[in-house]
Amino acid sequence: MELRDYIRILRKSWVLIVLLTLVAVGAASTYSILQTPTFSATAKVFVSTQSTGTTSELAQGNSFTVQRVKTYSDLVATPIVLLPVIGSLDLGITPDALATKVTASAPLDTSIIDITVTDTDPVRAAETANAISASLTSVVAEIETPVGADAVSPVKLTRAQQATVPSIPVSPNVPLNIALGALVGLALGVGIAVLRETLETRIRNQRDVEQVTDSPILGGIVFDPKAQERPLIVHVDPRSPRAESFRTLRTNLQFLDVGRTERAFVVTSSIEAEGKSTTGANLAIALADSGSRVLLVDADLRRPKIADYMGIEGAVGLTDVLIGKAELKDVIQPWGRAQLFVLPAGHIPPNPSELLGSARMTHIIGELNRAFDVVLFDSPPLLPVTDAAVLAKNVGGALIIVAAGRTHKNQLKGAIAALTNVGTSVSGLVLTMLPTKGPDAYGYGNYGYGYGSDLDAETAAAPKGKAGPRRTRVQA
């Protein structure tokens, strides 16, 4: 991943990251509140040697003292020092239990021993530290004193600092616990966000499509919650940004397959409800507005939608021509004021794929290519049925609609493979249902204006009050 990928992940999952951070901070705060506060008190003991005061004796005594300090530090936690303390303070615990509360340390190259006691009672902590320092002084004096009536210990321990009653607990350290909790929550949130992005199989943006195929991306249309109310946005509101996105798509389509003399394309998708029918209808209107003679064919002989969207009579159409019950000139209907014509699906047959792959269909495709500048065939999705692949083989070009957040990468791969298996390449892809907010938001600068919308077109009803077609017949 590149740096911008991580930035996009953080922008995309910031809510999760913040939530986990807050949860971790809350857990750390709760843990700190539930912990019993402990206090620490420290007494300092100075170790010195008794000598006549000559220079050599002072040097030797200083070296001897430094060596002895570590020994006396280890002596602090032994029963010989702690038992008198337990008895004098009536602590009621064993020396081993008291030893867990006591630490003794000596700063490097010094003759000072720090005796620290931690306890839940601050007064008891201070009294215990002072008692241990006094007990250590007595024990060392007894141990170091040679045998003899007038013998004097060469080592002298003096309490340099008396332990005072602490007012602030040393544990729990609430600020530190909260900071650690925040760091743990932040790391956990970022880790989960990166893992989720790594395991994500849905197509969210252009980069995801580019990881699947090298086919050109012709344009993008953002999701519009009101699209079901007006699916033919190019006709209803031609000046809207969404309508402009379809005109951008129209412009990019003119540069596709420049080597092909026929400008016919199958509009399909990987799965259902990706917006292929409304995309095909709006694209046909945009092409007709540019002056081209355009035919929109409803070749979805299983769930035809074009007649409902365009507001035309769909009882007779392509299937009737394929079985010889009607002629093209009798079923092709002009629509609107531009050079746009619509061929509805007609009756739903029991064998759609056989009809679309028949010699009669190949002949009809040839006639339509000669009669119109651009022919768009709205067909079923590629993965559930083979209709679109069979039709694309005869048409020669295919546009795959990819719904962001709905189509999985393996589904797009399967759709492309279905076309490749019949010897047809993908002419281009169109991203639909792109988000308008967030890190994957689709905006100005990607494809033309980059605004626009699509919908879950397969379930949308035709809008009311739009301009109807002219009920005339045309010679195809």
Protein backbone atom coordinates (compact mmCIF):
# COMPACT_ATOMS: atom_id res chain seq x y z
CA MET A 1 0.00 0.00 0.00
CA GLU A 2 1.04 3.58 -0.64
CA LEU A 3 0.81 6.43 1.84
CA ARG A 4 -2.36 7.75 0.24
CA ASP A 5 -3.96 4.33 0.70
CA TYR A 6 -3.32 4.47 4.42
CA ILE A 7 -4.65 8.02 4.57
CA ARG A 8 -7.79 6.89 2.74
CA ILE A 9 -8.19 3.98 5.18
CA LEU A 10 -7.88 6.33 8.15
CA ARG A 11 -10.46 8.69 6.65
CA LYS A 12 -12.75 5.81 5.86
CA SER A 13 -12.53 4.13 9.28
CA TRP A 14 -12.04 7.14 11.54
CA VAL A 15 -15.29 6.44 13.37
CA LEU A 16 -14.13 2.91 14.25
CA ILE A 17 -10.70 4.16 15.31
CA VAL A 18 -12.15 6.90 17.51
CA LEU A 19 -14.67 4.48 19.01
CA LEU A 20 -12.04 1.90 19.92
CA THR A 21 -9.80 4.62 21.34
CA LEU A 22 -12.61 5.90 23.54
CA VAL A 23 -13.46 2.36 24.65
CA ALA A 24 -9.82 1.73 25.58
CA VAL A 25 -9.62 5.03 27.46
CA GLY A 26 -12.81 4.16 29.29
CA ALA A 27 -11.49 0.74 30.20
CA ALA A 28 -8.23 2.24 31.47
CA SER A 29 -10.14 4.81 33.51
CA THR A 30 -12.40 2.14 34.99
CA TYR A 31 -9.41 -0.02 35.86
CA SER A 32 -7.71 2.94 37.56
CA ILE A 33 -10.83 3.78 39.57
CA LEU A 34 -11.31 0.19 40.75
CA GLN A 35 -7.69 -0.18 41.87
CA THR A 36 -6.89 0.42 45.54
CA PRO A 37 -4.47 3.38 45.80
CA THR A 38 -1.00 2.56 47.12
CA PHE A 39 1.42 5.02 48.70
CA SER A 40 5.18 5.05 48.78
CA ALA A 41 7.47 6.36 51.54
CA THR A 42 11.26 6.45 51.40
CA ALA A 43 13.88 6.68 54.14
CA LYS A 44 17.55 7.27 53.39
CA VAL A 45 20.43 5.70 55.31
CA PHE A 46 24.01 6.99 55.05
CA VAL A 47 26.82 4.44 55.34
CA SER A 48 30.21 5.58 56.63
CA THR A 49 33.40 4.06 58.07
CA GLN A 50 35.27 5.05 61.20
CA SER A 51 38.97 5.74 60.76
CA THR A 52 41.84 7.79 62.20
CA GLY A 53 41.48 10.26 59.36
CA THR A 54 44.68 9.68 57.36
CA THR A 55 44.46 10.04 53.61
CA SER A 56 45.09 6.37 52.88
CA GLU A 57 42.60 5.23 55.50
CA LEU A 58 39.97 7.58 54.14
CA ALA A 59 40.45 6.24 50.61
CA GLN A 60 40.31 2.65 51.83
CA GLY A 61 37.25 3.42 53.95
CA ASN A 62 35.45 5.04 51.07
CA SER A 63 36.12 2.03 48.83
CA PHE A 64 35.03 -0.31 51.60
CA THR A 65 31.81 1.65 52.14
CA VAL A 66 30.82 1.56 48.47
CA GLN A 67 31.32 -2.19 48.41
CA ARG A 68 29.36 -2.65 51.60
CA VAL A 69 26.39 -0.57 50.45
CA LYS A 70 25.14 -3.25 48.04
CA THR A 71 25.44 -5.89 50.73
CA TYR A 72 23.41 -3.81 53.16
CA SER A 73 20.82 -3.13 50.44
CA ASP A 74 20.29 -6.88 50.01
CA LEU A 75 20.12 -7.22 53.79
CA VAL A 76 17.07 -4.93 54.02
CA ALA A 77 14.54 -7.58 52.87
CA THR A 78 15.86 -10.37 55.13
CA PRO A 79 13.99 -11.63 58.21
CA ILE A 80 16.79 -10.47 60.54
CA VAL A 81 15.89 -6.87 59.67
CA LEU A 82 12.13 -7.26 59.11
CA LEU A 83 11.14 -9.34 62.16
CA PRO A 84 11.89 -6.55 64.65
CA VAL A 85 9.86 -4.18 62.50
CA ILE A 86 6.87 -6.54 62.39
CA GLY A 87 7.01 -6.91 66.14
CA SER A 88 7.39 -3.22 66.96
CA LEU A 89 4.62 -2.06 64.62
CA ASP A 90 2.40 -5.10 65.18
CA LEU A 91 1.93 -5.56 61.43
CA GLY A 92 0.66 -9.12 61.75
CA ILE A 93 2.29 -10.37 58.53
CA THR A 94 5.19 -12.65 57.68
CA PRO A 95 8.64 -11.37 56.71
CA ASP A 96 8.13 -12.66 53.19
CA ALA A 97 4.88 -10.70 52.86
CA LEU A 98 6.56 -7.55 54.15
CA ALA A 99 9.53 -8.08 51.84
CA THR A 100 7.22 -7.77 48.81
CA LYS A 101 6.43 -4.22 49.92
CA VAL A 102 10.02 -3.18 50.52
CA THR A 103 12.67 -2.19 47.99
CA ALA A 104 16.21 -1.07 48.74
CA SER A 105 18.51 0.56 46.23
CA ALA A 106 21.79 2.41 46.27
CA PRO A 107 22.58 5.12 43.71
CA LEU A 108 25.73 4.35 41.76
CA ASP A 109 29.01 5.30 43.46
CA THR A 110 27.28 6.62 46.57
CA SER A 111 27.11 5.54 50.20
CA ILE A 112 23.38 6.06 50.55
CA ILE A 113 20.73 3.36 50.76
CA ASP A 114 17.14 4.24 49.76
CA ILE A 115 14.57 2.14 51.63
CA THR A 116 11.14 2.42 50.02
CA VAL A 117 7.94 0.89 51.37
CA THR A 118 4.64 0.77 49.44
CA ASP A 119 1.37 0.28 51.29
CA THR A 120 -2.31 1.09 50.97
CA ASP A 121 -2.01 3.11 54.21
CA PRO A 122 0.28 6.13 53.77
CA VAL A 123 0.98 6.45 57.54
CA ARG A 124 1.87 2.78 57.83
CA ALA A 125 4.17 3.09 54.80
CA ALA A 126 6.14 5.92 56.41
CA GLU A 127 6.33 4.20 59.83
CA THR A 128 7.48 0.95 58.25
CA ALA A 129 10.23 2.67 56.21
CA ASN A 130 11.54 4.46 59.30
CA ALA A 131 11.39 1.29 61.37
CA ILE A 132 13.30 -0.68 58.74
CA SER A 133 16.00 1.96 58.53
CA ALA A 134 16.41 1.82 62.32
CA SER A 135 16.42 -1.98 62.31
CA LEU A 136 19.02 -2.07 59.54
CA THR A 137 21.25 0.29 61.52
CA SER A 138 21.08 -1.99 64.54
CA VAL A 139 21.62 -5.19 62.59
CA VAL A 140 24.66 -3.81 60.73
CA ALA A 141 26.20 -2.52 63.91
CA GLU A 142 25.74 -5.93 65.51
CA ILE A 143 27.12 -7.81 62.54
CA GLU A 144 30.07 -5.55 61.83
CA THR A 145 31.23 -5.18 65.47
CA PRO A 146 34.24 -7.46 66.16
CA VAL A 147 34.25 -9.79 69.18
CA GLY A 148 35.75 -8.11 72.18
CA ALA A 149 34.86 -5.97 75.16
CA ASP A 150 36.09 -2.69 73.69
CA ALA A 151 35.48 -3.56 70.04
CA VAL A 152 33.86 -0.87 67.83
CA SER A 153 32.10 -1.42 64.52
CA PRO A 154 34.14 -0.01 61.62
CA VAL A 155 30.90 0.83 59.81
CA LYS A 156 28.36 3.35 60.91
CA LEU A 157 24.79 3.73 59.50
CA THR A 158 23.05 7.01 60.02
CA ARG A 159 19.49 7.88 58.99
CA ALA A 160 20.01 10.69 56.51
CA GLN A 161 16.34 11.25 55.72
CA GLN A 162 13.26 10.25 57.61
CA ALA A 163 10.28 8.96 55.63
CA THR A 164 7.32 11.33 55.60
CA VAL A 165 3.68 10.45 55.15
CA PRO A 166 2.90 10.65 51.38
CA SER A 167 -0.19 12.52 50.24
CA ILE A 168 -0.31 11.40 46.61
CA PRO A 169 -0.61 7.71 45.68
CA VAL A 170 1.97 6.20 43.37
CA SER A 171 -0.50 3.67 42.02
CA PRO A 172 -2.68 3.68 40.06
CA ASN A 173 -1.10 6.28 37.79
CA VAL A 174 -4.31 7.53 36.20
CA PRO A 175 -2.78 9.83 33.53
CA LEU A 176 -0.33 7.12 32.47
CA ASN A 177 -3.05 4.45 32.36
CA ILE A 178 -5.30 6.67 30.26
CA ALA A 179 -2.45 7.49 27.88
CA LEU A 180 -1.56 3.82 27.50
CA GLY A 181 -5.23 2.96 26.97
CA ALA A 182 -5.49 5.61 24.25
CA LEU A 183 -2.40 4.26 22.51
CA VAL A 184 -3.66 0.67 22.70
CA GLY A 185 -7.11 1.66 21.40
CA LEU A 186 -5.60 3.73 18.61
CA ALA A 187 -3.28 0.92 17.55
CA LEU A 188 -6.13 -1.60 17.69
CA GLY A 189 -8.42 0.64 15.65
CA VAL A 190 -5.81 1.30 12.97
CA GLY A 191 -4.93 -2.39 12.82
CA ILE A 192 -8.55 -3.46 12.41
CA ALA A 193 -9.12 -0.76 9.76
CA VAL A 194 -6.11 -1.88 7.73
CA LEU A 195 -7.08 -5.55 8.10
CA ARG A 196 -10.64 -4.85 7.04
CA GLU A 197 -9.44 -2.93 3.99
CA THR A 198 -7.04 -5.73 3.10
CA LEU A 199 -9.79 -8.34 3.31
CA GLU A 200 -12.38 -6.15 1.55
CA THR A 201 -13.58 -7.75 -1.70
CA ARG A 202 -16.17 -5.19 -2.75
CA ILE A 203 -15.35 -2.63 -5.41
CA ARG A 204 -15.44 0.84 -3.86
CA ASN A 205 -13.62 3.09 -6.30
CA GLN A 206 -11.63 3.34 -9.51
CA ARG A 207 -8.47 1.90 -7.92
CA ASP A 208 -10.33 -1.30 -7.02
CA VAL A 209 -11.45 -1.70 -10.62
CA GLU A 210 -7.92 -1.13 -11.89
CA GLN A 211 -6.74 -4.02 -9.71
CA VAL A 212 -9.11 -6.35 -11.58
CA THR A 213 -8.87 -5.26 -15.21
CA ASP A 214 -7.00 -3.00 -17.60
CA SER A 215 -10.19 -2.14 -19.50
CA PRO A 216 -10.85 1.60 -19.69
CA ILE A 217 -13.20 3.23 -17.20
CA LEU A 218 -15.50 5.47 -19.18
CA GLY A 219 -17.10 7.38 -16.35
CA GLY A 220 -18.61 7.40 -12.91
CA ILE A 221 -22.07 8.18 -11.63
CA VAL A 222 -22.72 8.89 -7.97
CA PHE A 223 -25.53 7.39 -5.97
CA ASP A 224 -28.71 9.47 -5.83
CA PRO A 225 -31.45 8.45 -3.37
CA LYS A 226 -34.02 10.29 -5.51
CA ALA A 227 -33.05 8.50 -8.70
CA GLN A 228 -36.01 6.13 -8.51
CA GLU A 229 -38.31 9.11 -8.84
CA ARG A 230 -36.59 10.30 -12.01
CA PRO A 231 -34.42 7.62 -13.63
CA LEU A 232 -34.22 9.48 -16.98
CA ILE A 233 -32.35 12.44 -15.53
CA VAL A 234 -30.91 13.51 -18.90
CA HIS A 235 -34.48 14.06 -20.12
CA VAL A 236 -36.08 15.35 -16.91
CA ASP A 237 -33.30 17.71 -15.80
CA PRO A 238 -30.76 18.06 -18.62
CA ARG A 239 -28.81 20.82 -16.84
CA SER A 240 -28.20 18.86 -13.65
CA PRO A 241 -24.68 17.67 -12.78
CA ARG A 242 -25.91 14.09 -12.98
CA ALA A 243 -27.08 14.62 -16.56
CA GLU A 244 -23.68 16.13 -17.33
CA SER A 245 -22.00 12.94 -16.16
CA PHE A 246 -23.94 10.98 -18.78
CA ARG A 247 -22.87 13.45 -21.46
CA THR A 248 -19.28 12.92 -20.32
CA LEU A 249 -19.87 9.20 -20.67
CA ARG A 250 -21.23 9.82 -24.16
CA THR A 251 -18.09 11.72 -25.12
CA ASN A 252 -15.79 9.00 -23.83
CA LEU A 253 -17.83 6.35 -25.64
CA GLN A 254 -17.04 7.99 -28.98
CA PHE A 255 -13.37 7.10 -28.56
CA LEU A 256 -14.01 3.40 -27.91
CA ASP A 257 -13.24 0.69 -30.44
CA VAL A 258 -12.26 3.18 -33.14
CA GLY A 259 -11.40 0.26 -35.42
CA ARG A 260 -14.99 -1.01 -35.45
CA THR A 261 -17.26 0.31 -38.17
CA GLU A 262 -20.42 -0.64 -36.24
CA ARG A 263 -21.16 1.42 -33.12
CA ALA A 264 -23.21 -1.21 -31.30
CA PHE A 265 -22.69 -2.09 -27.64
CA VAL A 266 -24.21 -4.51 -25.17
CA VAL A 267 -24.88 -2.80 -21.82
CA THR A 268 -24.61 -5.41 -19.09
CA SER A 269 -23.35 -5.97 -15.56
CA SER A 270 -22.00 -8.71 -13.33
CA ILE A 271 -25.09 -9.12 -11.18
CA GLU A 272 -28.53 -7.61 -11.06
CA ALA A 273 -29.47 -4.19 -9.65
CA GLU A 274 -26.28 -2.39 -10.68
CA GLY A 275 -28.07 0.32 -12.67
CA LYS A 276 -27.42 -0.97 -16.19
CA SER A 277 -30.90 -0.24 -17.57
CA THR A 278 -31.04 3.39 -16.42
CA THR A 279 -27.44 3.91 -17.50
CA GLY A 280 -28.23 2.58 -20.97
CA ALA A 281 -31.40 4.69 -21.25
CA ASN A 282 -29.72 7.93 -20.15
CA LEU A 283 -26.71 7.26 -22.36
CA ALA A 284 -29.03 6.71 -25.34
CA ILE A 285 -30.77 10.04 -24.68
CA ALA A 286 -27.41 11.83 -24.38
CA LEU A 287 -26.21 10.31 -27.66
CA ALA A 288 -29.40 11.32 -29.44
CA ASP A 289 -29.12 14.87 -28.10
CA SER A 290 -25.70 15.14 -29.77
CA GLY A 291 -27.30 14.53 -33.16
CA SER A 292 -26.68 10.79 -33.54
CA ARG A 293 -29.37 8.43 -34.73
CA VAL A 294 -29.64 6.08 -31.76
CA LEU A 295 -31.57 2.89 -31.11
CA LEU A 296 -32.08 1.53 -27.59
CA VAL A 297 -32.91 -2.18 -27.70
CA ASP A 298 -34.32 -4.00 -24.70
CA ALA A 299 -32.54 -7.34 -25.10
CA ASP A 300 -33.29 -8.39 -21.53
CA LEU A 301 -35.81 -11.04 -22.48
CA ARG A 302 -36.15 -12.22 -18.88
CA ARG A 303 -36.91 -9.03 -16.93
CA PRO A 304 -37.43 -6.23 -19.48
CA LYS A 305 -37.48 -2.70 -18.03
CA ILE A 306 -36.85 -0.31 -20.90
CA ALA A 307 -40.51 0.01 -21.95
CA ASP A 308 -41.51 1.01 -18.42
CA TYR A 309 -38.67 3.51 -18.07
CA MET A 310 -39.28 5.09 -21.46
CA GLY A 311 -43.07 5.09 -21.09
CA ILE A 312 -43.83 3.18 -24.30
CA GLU A 313 -45.94 0.19 -25.25
CA GLY A 314 -43.91 -2.97 -24.75
CA ALA A 315 -46.33 -5.76 -25.62
CA VAL A 316 -44.76 -6.24 -29.05
CA GLY A 317 -41.04 -6.03 -29.64
CA LEU A 318 -37.80 -7.90 -30.28
CA THR A 319 -39.09 -11.40 -29.53
CA ASP A 320 -41.92 -10.96 -32.03
CA VAL A 321 -39.40 -10.01 -34.70
CA LEU A 322 -37.18 -12.99 -33.85
CA ILE A 323 -40.01 -15.49 -34.25
CA GLY A 324 -41.26 -13.83 -37.44
CA LYS A 325 -44.54 -12.39 -36.09
CA ALA A 326 -43.57 -8.75 -36.68
CA GLU A 327 -41.27 -6.58 -38.74
CA LEU A 328 -38.68 -4.18 -37.35
CA LYS A 329 -40.40 -1.18 -38.91
CA ASP A 330 -43.57 -2.02 -37.00
CA VAL A 331 -42.05 -2.41 -33.50
CA ILE A 332 -39.34 0.29 -33.39
CA GLN A 333 -40.81 3.37 -31.73
CA PRO A 334 -39.42 6.93 -31.88
CA TRP A 335 -38.97 8.63 -28.51
CA GLY A 336 -38.80 12.32 -27.68
CA ARG A 337 -37.84 15.07 -30.08
CA ALA A 338 -34.34 13.87 -30.97
CA GLN A 339 -33.29 10.97 -33.19
CA LEU A 340 -33.84 8.37 -30.48
CA PHE A 341 -35.71 5.14 -31.16
CA VAL A 342 -36.63 2.31 -28.81
CA LEU A 343 -37.13 -1.38 -29.55
CA PRO A 344 -38.91 -3.01 -26.57
CA ALA A 345 -38.44 -6.64 -25.61
CA GLY A 346 -41.93 -7.84 -26.36
CA HIS A 347 -43.27 -11.09 -24.91
CA ILE A 348 -40.98 -12.99 -22.53
CA PRO A 349 -39.94 -16.22 -24.32
CA PRO A 350 -39.07 -19.57 -22.67
CA ASN A 351 -35.67 -19.69 -24.41
CA PRO A 352 -34.06 -16.21 -24.31
CA SER A 353 -30.44 -17.28 -24.82
CA GLU A 354 -31.31 -19.41 -27.85
CA LEU A 355 -33.17 -16.51 -29.47
CA LEU A 356 -30.35 -14.03 -28.80
CA GLY A 357 -27.78 -16.44 -30.27
CA SER A 358 -29.83 -17.37 -33.33
CA ALA A 359 -28.98 -16.58 -36.93
CA ARG A 360 -32.08 -14.41 -37.07
CA MET A 361 -30.69 -12.23 -34.26
CA THR A 362 -27.37 -11.90 -36.07
CA HIS A 363 -29.24 -10.73 -39.16
CA ILE A 364 -31.25 -8.20 -37.12
CA ILE A 365 -28.05 -6.82 -35.55
CA GLY A 366 -26.67 -6.22 -39.03
CA GLU A 367 -29.82 -4.40 -40.13
CA LEU A 368 -29.79 -2.20 -37.04
CA ASN A 369 -26.13 -1.31 -37.51
CA ARG A 370 -26.86 -0.14 -41.03
CA ALA A 371 -29.91 1.89 -40.01
CA PHE A 372 -28.56 3.65 -36.90
CA ASP A 373 -25.40 5.45 -35.87
CA VAL A 374 -25.35 3.86 -32.40
CA VAL A 375 -27.21 0.81 -31.11
CA LEU A 376 -27.34 0.02 -27.38
CA PHE A 377 -28.57 -3.40 -26.25
CA ASP A 378 -29.77 -3.59 -22.66
CA SER A 379 -29.11 -7.20 -21.61
CA PRO A 380 -29.30 -9.36 -18.45
CA PRO A 381 -26.35 -9.65 -16.02
CA LEU A 382 -23.48 -11.88 -17.10
CA LEU A 383 -23.13 -14.13 -14.08
CA PRO A 384 -26.70 -15.43 -13.56
CA VAL A 385 -27.37 -16.20 -17.26
CA THR A 386 -25.47 -16.43 -20.55
CA ASP A 387 -27.71 -14.10 -22.57
CA ALA A 388 -25.38 -11.10 -22.48
CA ALA A 389 -22.30 -13.14 -23.45
CA VAL A 390 -24.13 -14.74 -26.37
CA LEU A 391 -25.41 -11.36 -27.54
CA ALA A 392 -22.02 -9.64 -27.09
CA LYS A 393 -20.37 -12.19 -29.34
CA ASN A 394 -22.58 -11.08 -32.23
CA VAL A 395 -22.61 -7.38 -31.37
CA GLY A 396 -18.85 -7.12 -30.91
CA GLY A 397 -18.69 -4.63 -28.02
CA ALA A 398 -19.72 -4.67 -24.36
CA LEU A 399 -20.05 -2.07 -21.63
CA ILE A 400 -20.00 -3.46 -18.11
CA ILE A 401 -21.76 -1.49 -15.37
CA VAL A 402 -20.07 -1.82 -11.97
CA ALA A 403 -21.95 -0.70 -8.86
CA ALA A 404 -19.61 0.61 -6.16
CA GLY A 405 -20.17 -1.06 -2.81
CA ARG A 406 -22.24 -3.84 -4.35
CA THR A 407 -20.11 -5.66 -6.90
CA HIS A 408 -17.34 -7.92 -5.60
CA LYS A 409 -13.99 -8.14 -7.34
CA ASN A 410 -14.42 -11.84 -8.10
CA GLN A 411 -17.83 -11.10 -9.62
CA LEU A 412 -16.31 -8.54 -11.97
CA LYS A 413 -13.56 -11.01 -12.84
CA GLY A 414 -16.20 -13.65 -13.59
CA ALA A 415 -18.14 -11.26 -15.82
CA ILE A 416 -15.03 -10.35 -17.80
CA ALA A 417 -14.13 -14.03 -18.10
CA ALA A 418 -17.62 -14.79 -19.45
CA LEU A 419 -17.09 -12.31 -22.27
CA THR A 420 -13.53 -13.49 -22.91
CA ASN A 421 -14.70 -17.10 -23.21
CA VAL A 422 -16.93 -16.21 -26.17
CA GLY A 423 -14.22 -14.15 -27.85
CA THR A 424 -15.53 -10.71 -26.90
CA SER A 425 -13.46 -8.11 -25.12
CA VAL A 426 -14.74 -5.48 -22.70
CA SER A 427 -15.06 -2.14 -24.48
CA GLY A 428 -15.26 -0.20 -21.23
CA LEU A 429 -16.63 -0.01 -17.72
CA VAL A 430 -18.92 2.48 -16.01
CA LEU A 431 -18.86 2.92 -12.23
CA THR A 432 -22.27 3.57 -10.69
CA MET A 433 -23.61 4.20 -7.18
CA LEU A 434 -20.42 5.97 -6.17
CA PRO A 435 -20.59 7.61 -2.72
CA THR A 436 -20.89 11.36 -2.45
CA LYS A 437 -19.10 11.63 0.90
CA GLY A 438 -16.12 10.03 2.57
CA PRO A 439 -12.69 8.95 1.30
CA ASP A 440 -14.20 7.10 -1.68
CA ALA A 441 -16.38 10.07 -2.61
CA TYR A 442 -16.70 10.81 -6.28
CA GLY A 443 -16.20 14.45 -7.19
CA TYR A 444 -15.23 16.91 -9.80
CA GLY A 445 -12.12 16.04 -11.75
CA ASN A 446 -12.30 12.25 -12.11
CA TYR A 447 -14.57 11.83 -15.08
CA GLY A 448 -15.72 15.12 -16.49
CA TYR A 449 -17.82 16.84 -13.85
CA GLY A 450 -17.92 13.66 -11.85
CA TYR A 451 -21.29 14.36 -10.32
CA GLY A 452 -24.39 12.56 -11.35
CA SER A 453 -26.21 9.59 -9.97
CA ASP A 454 -27.39 6.10 -10.53
CA LEU A 455 -29.85 3.90 -8.72
CA ASP A 456 -30.74 0.39 -8.03
CA ALA A 457 -32.34 0.56 -11.41
CA GLU A 458 -33.74 -2.90 -11.71
CA THR A 459 -36.39 -2.20 -9.05
CA ALA A 460 -37.29 1.38 -9.95
CA ALA A 461 -40.66 2.31 -11.41
CA ALA A 462 -41.03 4.64 -14.37
CA PRO A 463 -41.61 8.28 -13.37
CA LYS A 464 -44.88 10.02 -14.03
CA GLY A 465 -45.37 13.07 -16.18
CA LYS A 466 -42.39 12.76 -18.53
CA ALA A 467 -42.65 13.37 -22.24
CA GLY A 468 -43.98 10.36 -24.06
CA PRO A 469 -42.88 8.95 -27.40
CA ARG A 470 -44.31 9.78 -30.74
CA ARG A 471 -46.53 6.89 -31.79
CA THR A 472 -45.19 6.54 -35.29
CA ARG A 473 -43.40 3.79 -37.15
CA VAL A 474 -39.99 3.95 -38.76
CA GLN A 475 -38.33 1.96 -41.45
CA ALA A 476 -35.28 0.29 -39.84
